[in-house]
């Protein structure tokens, strides 16, 4: 390697560290409290639902980039059982436990 490559790498690492420190400490650096606008506060209430829909739903209904074409998929049954458990108990922990309790036997024993 050349000395310029090593200096360039060092410059990039220091720059990335500086940006990280600045963005993480931004709220501490300000001299007055920072408040969010009311519209942003309202929008953040929907962020967890949107994130779950964007991450979990494609994972449940798709396999290798294609829609699941058979009902013999453990993820479908686990998602339905998890949703039912959530509406029954309103607990994320119960949802995870029930979903995995349905998914694991179907996936490991039946190979779905």
N, C-alpha and C. Protein backbone atom coordinates (compact mmCIF):
# COMPACT_ATOMS: atom_id res chain seq x y z
N UNK A 1 0.82 -1.19 0.00
CA UNK A 1 0.00 0.00 0.00
C UNK A 1 0.86 1.25 0.00
N UNK A 2 0.29 2.29 -0.53
CA UNK A 2 1.00 3.56 -0.58
C UNK A 2 0.67 4.39 0.65
N UNK A 3 1.53 5.34 0.94
CA UNK A 3 1.31 6.21 2.09
C UNK A 3 0.08 7.08 1.89
N UNK A 4 -0.22 7.45 0.63
CA UNK A 4 -1.40 8.28 0.38
C UNK A 4 -2.68 7.49 0.64
N UNK A 5 -2.65 6.21 0.35
CA UNK A 5 -3.83 5.38 0.63
C UNK A 5 -4.07 5.31 2.12
N UNK A 6 -3.01 5.13 2.88
CA UNK A 6 -3.16 5.06 4.33
C UNK A 6 -3.63 6.39 4.91
N UNK A 7 -3.12 7.51 4.39
CA UNK A 7 -3.59 8.81 4.85
C UNK A 7 -5.05 9.03 4.47
N UNK A 8 -5.41 8.61 3.29
CA UNK A 8 -6.80 8.76 2.85
C UNK A 8 -7.73 7.92 3.73
N UNK A 9 -7.33 6.70 4.04
CA UNK A 9 -8.12 5.84 4.91
C UNK A 9 -8.26 6.47 6.29
N UNK A 10 -7.17 6.99 6.84
CA UNK A 10 -7.21 7.65 8.13
C UNK A 10 -8.13 8.87 8.09
N UNK A 11 -8.06 9.66 7.01
CA UNK A 11 -8.94 10.82 6.85
C UNK A 11 -10.41 10.40 6.83
N UNK A 12 -10.73 9.34 6.11
CA UNK A 12 -12.11 8.87 6.03
C UNK A 12 -12.60 8.38 7.39
N UNK A 13 -11.76 7.64 8.10
CA UNK A 13 -12.15 7.14 9.43
C UNK A 13 -12.39 8.30 10.38
N UNK A 14 -11.51 9.28 10.39
CA UNK A 14 -11.70 10.44 11.26
C UNK A 14 -12.93 11.25 10.87
N UNK A 15 -13.18 11.39 9.58
CA UNK A 15 -14.36 12.10 9.12
C UNK A 15 -15.65 11.38 9.54
N UNK A 16 -15.67 10.07 9.40
CA UNK A 16 -16.85 9.30 9.80
C UNK A 16 -17.06 9.37 11.31
N UNK A 17 -15.96 9.33 12.08
CA UNK A 17 -16.06 9.46 13.53
C UNK A 17 -16.60 10.84 13.91
N UNK A 18 -16.13 11.88 13.23
CA UNK A 18 -16.62 13.22 13.50
C UNK A 18 -18.10 13.38 13.21
N UNK A 19 -18.53 12.85 12.08
CA UNK A 19 -19.96 12.92 11.74
C UNK A 19 -20.79 12.15 12.75
N UNK A 20 -20.30 10.99 13.18
CA UNK A 20 -21.04 10.19 14.16
C UNK A 20 -21.16 10.93 15.48
N UNK A 21 -20.07 11.50 15.96
CA UNK A 21 -20.10 12.24 17.22
C UNK A 21 -21.03 13.44 17.11
N UNK A 22 -20.95 14.16 16.01
CA UNK A 22 -21.78 15.35 15.82
C UNK A 22 -23.27 14.99 15.81
N UNK A 23 -23.64 13.95 15.07
CA UNK A 23 -25.06 13.59 14.98
C UNK A 23 -25.58 13.01 16.28
N UNK A 24 -24.76 12.29 17.00
CA UNK A 24 -25.23 11.71 18.27
C UNK A 24 -25.28 12.74 19.40
N UNK A 25 -24.43 13.73 19.33
CA UNK A 25 -24.37 14.75 20.38
C UNK A 25 -25.11 16.02 20.00
N UNK A 26 -25.79 16.04 18.88
CA UNK A 26 -26.44 17.25 18.38
C UNK A 26 -27.40 17.85 19.41
N UNK A 27 -28.17 16.99 20.08
CA UNK A 27 -29.16 17.51 21.02
C UNK A 27 -28.52 18.00 22.31
N UNK A 28 -27.32 17.51 22.63
CA UNK A 28 -26.62 17.99 23.82
C UNK A 28 -25.88 19.30 23.55
N UNK A 29 -25.52 19.53 22.31
CA UNK A 29 -24.76 20.72 21.94
C UNK A 29 -25.64 21.97 21.97
N UNK A 30 -26.92 21.82 21.66
CA UNK A 30 -27.82 22.97 21.60
C UNK A 30 -27.94 23.64 22.97
N UNK A 31 -28.10 24.94 22.97
CA UNK A 31 -28.18 25.68 24.23
C UNK A 31 -29.60 25.80 24.77
N UNK A 32 -30.57 25.43 23.99
CA UNK A 32 -31.96 25.50 24.45
C UNK A 32 -32.66 24.18 24.11
N UNK A 33 -33.73 23.88 24.83
CA UNK A 33 -34.45 22.63 24.55
C UNK A 33 -35.02 22.63 23.14
N UNK A 34 -35.00 21.49 22.53
CA UNK A 34 -35.50 21.34 21.17
C UNK A 34 -36.82 20.59 21.24
N UNK A 35 -37.87 21.16 20.66
CA UNK A 35 -39.17 20.51 20.66
C UNK A 35 -39.56 20.16 19.23
N UNK A 36 -40.26 19.08 19.11
CA UNK A 36 -40.72 18.65 17.79
C UNK A 36 -42.02 19.36 17.46
N UNK A 37 -42.26 19.61 16.19
CA UNK A 37 -43.55 20.17 15.81
C UNK A 37 -44.67 19.16 16.09
N UNK A 38 -45.86 19.67 16.26
CA UNK A 38 -47.00 18.80 16.59
C UNK A 38 -47.25 17.77 15.49
N UNK A 39 -47.09 18.17 14.22
CA UNK A 39 -47.34 17.23 13.13
C UNK A 39 -46.33 16.09 13.14
N UNK A 40 -45.08 16.37 13.51
CA UNK A 40 -44.06 15.31 13.57
C UNK A 40 -44.34 14.38 14.75
N UNK A 41 -44.80 14.94 15.84
CA UNK A 41 -45.14 14.12 17.00
C UNK A 41 -46.30 13.18 16.68
N UNK A 42 -47.30 13.68 15.97
CA UNK A 42 -48.43 12.83 15.56
C UNK A 42 -47.98 11.75 14.57
N UNK A 43 -47.10 12.11 13.66
CA UNK A 43 -46.64 11.15 12.65
C UNK A 43 -45.83 10.02 13.28
N UNK A 44 -45.10 10.29 14.35
CA UNK A 44 -44.30 9.26 14.99
C UNK A 44 -45.14 8.18 15.66
N UNK A 45 -46.41 8.46 15.91
CA UNK A 45 -47.28 7.43 16.47
C UNK A 45 -47.50 6.29 15.47
N UNK A 46 -47.41 6.59 14.18
CA UNK A 46 -47.64 5.58 13.15
C UNK A 46 -46.36 4.91 12.67
N UNK A 47 -45.22 5.38 13.11
CA UNK A 47 -43.94 4.84 12.64
C UNK A 47 -43.75 3.36 13.00
N UNK A 48 -44.04 2.91 14.22
CA UNK A 48 -43.86 1.49 14.50
C UNK A 48 -44.74 0.58 13.65
N UNK A 49 -45.96 0.99 13.40
CA UNK A 49 -46.86 0.19 12.58
C UNK A 49 -46.36 0.13 11.14
N UNK A 50 -45.90 1.26 10.64
CA UNK A 50 -45.38 1.30 9.27
C UNK A 50 -44.11 0.47 9.14
N UNK A 51 -43.25 0.52 10.15
CA UNK A 51 -42.02 -0.28 10.11
C UNK A 51 -42.33 -1.76 10.15
N UNK A 52 -43.25 -2.16 11.01
CA UNK A 52 -43.62 -3.57 11.08
C UNK A 52 -44.25 -4.04 9.77
N UNK A 53 -45.10 -3.22 9.21
CA UNK A 53 -45.73 -3.60 7.95
C UNK A 53 -44.69 -3.71 6.84
N UNK A 54 -43.72 -2.83 6.85
CA UNK A 54 -42.70 -2.85 5.80
C UNK A 54 -41.68 -3.95 5.95
N UNK A 55 -41.47 -4.44 7.16
CA UNK A 55 -40.46 -5.47 7.38
C UNK A 55 -41.08 -6.85 7.55
N UNK A 56 -42.10 -6.96 8.37
CA UNK A 56 -42.66 -8.27 8.71
C UNK A 56 -43.56 -8.81 7.61
N UNK A 57 -44.42 -8.00 7.05
CA UNK A 57 -45.37 -8.49 6.06
C UNK A 57 -44.70 -9.11 4.84
N UNK A 58 -43.70 -8.48 4.22
CA UNK A 58 -43.03 -9.15 3.10
C UNK A 58 -42.35 -10.45 3.51
N UNK A 59 -41.82 -10.51 4.73
CA UNK A 59 -41.16 -11.73 5.18
C UNK A 59 -42.16 -12.87 5.35
N UNK A 60 -43.39 -12.55 5.71
CA UNK A 60 -44.40 -13.59 5.93
C UNK A 60 -44.98 -14.07 4.61
N UNK A 61 -45.27 -13.18 3.69
CA UNK A 61 -46.00 -13.58 2.48
C UNK A 61 -45.11 -13.85 1.28
N UNK A 62 -43.79 -13.65 1.42
CA UNK A 62 -42.90 -13.87 0.28
C UNK A 62 -41.79 -14.85 0.65
N UNK A 63 -41.36 -15.60 -0.37
CA UNK A 63 -40.24 -16.52 -0.20
C UNK A 63 -39.39 -16.45 -1.46
N UNK A 64 -38.12 -16.13 -1.30
CA UNK A 64 -37.19 -15.98 -2.43
C UNK A 64 -37.69 -14.97 -3.47
N UNK A 65 -38.32 -13.92 -3.02
CA UNK A 65 -38.76 -12.86 -3.92
C UNK A 65 -40.08 -13.11 -4.62
N UNK A 66 -40.75 -14.21 -4.28
CA UNK A 66 -42.04 -14.54 -4.89
C UNK A 66 -43.08 -14.75 -3.79
N UNK A 67 -44.34 -14.47 -4.13
CA UNK A 67 -45.40 -14.71 -3.15
C UNK A 67 -45.50 -16.19 -2.82
N UNK A 68 -45.83 -16.48 -1.58
CA UNK A 68 -46.00 -17.86 -1.15
C UNK A 68 -47.20 -18.44 -1.90
N UNK A 69 -47.00 -19.57 -2.54
CA UNK A 69 -48.06 -20.13 -3.40
C UNK A 69 -48.79 -21.29 -2.76
N UNK A 70 -48.42 -21.69 -1.56
CA UNK A 70 -49.07 -22.81 -0.90
C UNK A 70 -49.45 -22.43 0.52
N UNK A 71 -50.44 -23.08 1.03
CA UNK A 71 -50.86 -22.80 2.41
C UNK A 71 -49.96 -23.54 3.40
N UNK A 72 -49.12 -24.44 2.93
CA UNK A 72 -48.24 -25.22 3.80
C UNK A 72 -46.95 -24.44 4.07
N UNK A 73 -47.09 -23.32 4.71
CA UNK A 73 -45.96 -22.48 5.09
C UNK A 73 -46.13 -22.12 6.55
N UNK A 74 -45.15 -22.47 7.36
CA UNK A 74 -45.25 -22.27 8.80
C UNK A 74 -45.37 -20.79 9.15
N UNK A 75 -44.81 -19.90 8.33
CA UNK A 75 -44.87 -18.47 8.62
C UNK A 75 -46.30 -17.94 8.59
N UNK A 76 -47.12 -18.47 7.68
CA UNK A 76 -48.51 -18.02 7.60
C UNK A 76 -49.28 -18.36 8.87
N UNK A 77 -49.13 -19.61 9.32
CA UNK A 77 -49.83 -20.04 10.53
C UNK A 77 -49.30 -19.30 11.77
N UNK A 78 -48.00 -19.09 11.82
CA UNK A 78 -47.41 -18.37 12.96
C UNK A 78 -47.88 -16.92 12.98
N UNK A 79 -48.00 -16.29 11.82
CA UNK A 79 -48.46 -14.90 11.77
C UNK A 79 -49.91 -14.79 12.23
N UNK A 80 -50.74 -15.70 11.79
CA UNK A 80 -52.15 -15.68 12.20
C UNK A 80 -52.27 -15.94 13.70
N UNK A 81 -51.52 -16.93 14.22
CA UNK A 81 -51.56 -17.22 15.65
C UNK A 81 -51.01 -16.05 16.46
N UNK A 82 -49.93 -15.44 15.99
CA UNK A 82 -49.37 -14.29 16.70
C UNK A 82 -50.32 -13.11 16.71
N UNK A 83 -50.98 -12.86 15.60
CA UNK A 83 -51.95 -11.75 15.54
C UNK A 83 -53.12 -12.02 16.49
N UNK A 84 -53.60 -13.26 16.50
CA UNK A 84 -54.70 -13.61 17.41
C UNK A 84 -54.27 -13.45 18.86
N UNK A 85 -53.06 -13.86 19.18
CA UNK A 85 -52.56 -13.72 20.55
C UNK A 85 -52.42 -12.25 20.94
N UNK A 86 -51.99 -11.42 19.98
CA UNK A 86 -51.86 -10.00 20.29
C UNK A 86 -53.23 -9.39 20.58
N UNK A 87 -54.23 -9.70 19.76
CA UNK A 87 -55.56 -9.12 19.99
C UNK A 87 -56.21 -9.68 21.25
N UNK A 88 -55.78 -10.87 21.66
CA UNK A 88 -56.32 -11.48 22.87
C UNK A 88 -55.70 -10.88 24.12
N UNK A 89 -54.35 -10.74 24.15
CA UNK A 89 -53.65 -10.30 25.35
C UNK A 89 -53.06 -8.89 25.27
N UNK A 90 -52.93 -8.33 24.08
CA UNK A 90 -52.33 -7.00 23.89
C UNK A 90 -50.90 -6.94 24.45
N UNK A 91 -50.15 -7.99 24.21
CA UNK A 91 -48.78 -8.07 24.71
C UNK A 91 -47.85 -8.51 23.58
N UNK A 92 -46.78 -7.76 23.37
CA UNK A 92 -45.83 -8.11 22.33
C UNK A 92 -45.10 -9.40 22.70
N UNK A 93 -44.79 -9.57 23.97
CA UNK A 93 -44.10 -10.79 24.41
C UNK A 93 -44.96 -12.03 24.15
N UNK A 94 -46.23 -11.97 24.48
CA UNK A 94 -47.13 -13.10 24.22
C UNK A 94 -47.23 -13.35 22.72
N UNK A 95 -47.26 -12.30 21.94
CA UNK A 95 -47.31 -12.44 20.48
C UNK A 95 -46.10 -13.20 19.97
N UNK A 96 -44.91 -12.82 20.43
CA UNK A 96 -43.69 -13.50 20.01
C UNK A 96 -43.67 -14.96 20.45
N UNK A 97 -44.06 -15.21 21.69
CA UNK A 97 -44.03 -16.58 22.20
C UNK A 97 -45.01 -17.46 21.45
N UNK A 98 -46.22 -17.00 21.25
CA UNK A 98 -47.22 -17.80 20.53
C UNK A 98 -46.81 -18.00 19.08
N UNK A 99 -46.35 -16.95 18.44
CA UNK A 99 -45.92 -17.08 17.05
C UNK A 99 -44.81 -18.09 16.88
N UNK A 100 -43.81 -18.03 17.75
CA UNK A 100 -42.71 -18.99 17.66
C UNK A 100 -43.14 -20.39 18.09
N UNK A 101 -44.08 -20.49 19.03
CA UNK A 101 -44.58 -21.81 19.45
C UNK A 101 -45.33 -22.49 18.31
N UNK A 102 -45.92 -21.74 17.43
CA UNK A 102 -46.59 -22.31 16.27
C UNK A 102 -45.58 -22.55 15.14
N UNK A 103 -44.69 -21.61 14.94
CA UNK A 103 -43.75 -21.70 13.82
C UNK A 103 -42.75 -22.85 13.96
N UNK A 104 -42.11 -22.96 15.11
CA UNK A 104 -41.04 -23.94 15.27
C UNK A 104 -41.47 -25.38 15.04
N UNK A 105 -42.56 -25.86 15.65
CA UNK A 105 -42.95 -27.26 15.37
C UNK A 105 -43.30 -27.50 13.90
N UNK A 106 -43.99 -26.55 13.29
CA UNK A 106 -44.36 -26.73 11.89
C UNK A 106 -43.12 -26.72 11.00
N UNK A 107 -42.18 -25.85 11.29
CA UNK A 107 -40.98 -25.74 10.46
C UNK A 107 -40.02 -26.90 10.70
N UNK A 108 -39.82 -27.26 11.96
CA UNK A 108 -38.84 -28.30 12.27
C UNK A 108 -39.37 -29.72 12.07
N UNK A 109 -40.60 -29.96 12.46
CA UNK A 109 -41.17 -31.32 12.36
C UNK A 109 -41.71 -31.64 10.96
N UNK A 110 -42.46 -30.70 10.41
CA UNK A 110 -43.10 -30.95 9.11
C UNK A 110 -42.27 -30.43 7.95
N UNK A 111 -41.28 -29.61 8.22
CA UNK A 111 -40.42 -29.09 7.17
C UNK A 111 -41.08 -28.03 6.32
N UNK A 112 -42.08 -27.38 6.85
CA UNK A 112 -42.78 -26.33 6.09
C UNK A 112 -41.93 -25.11 6.02
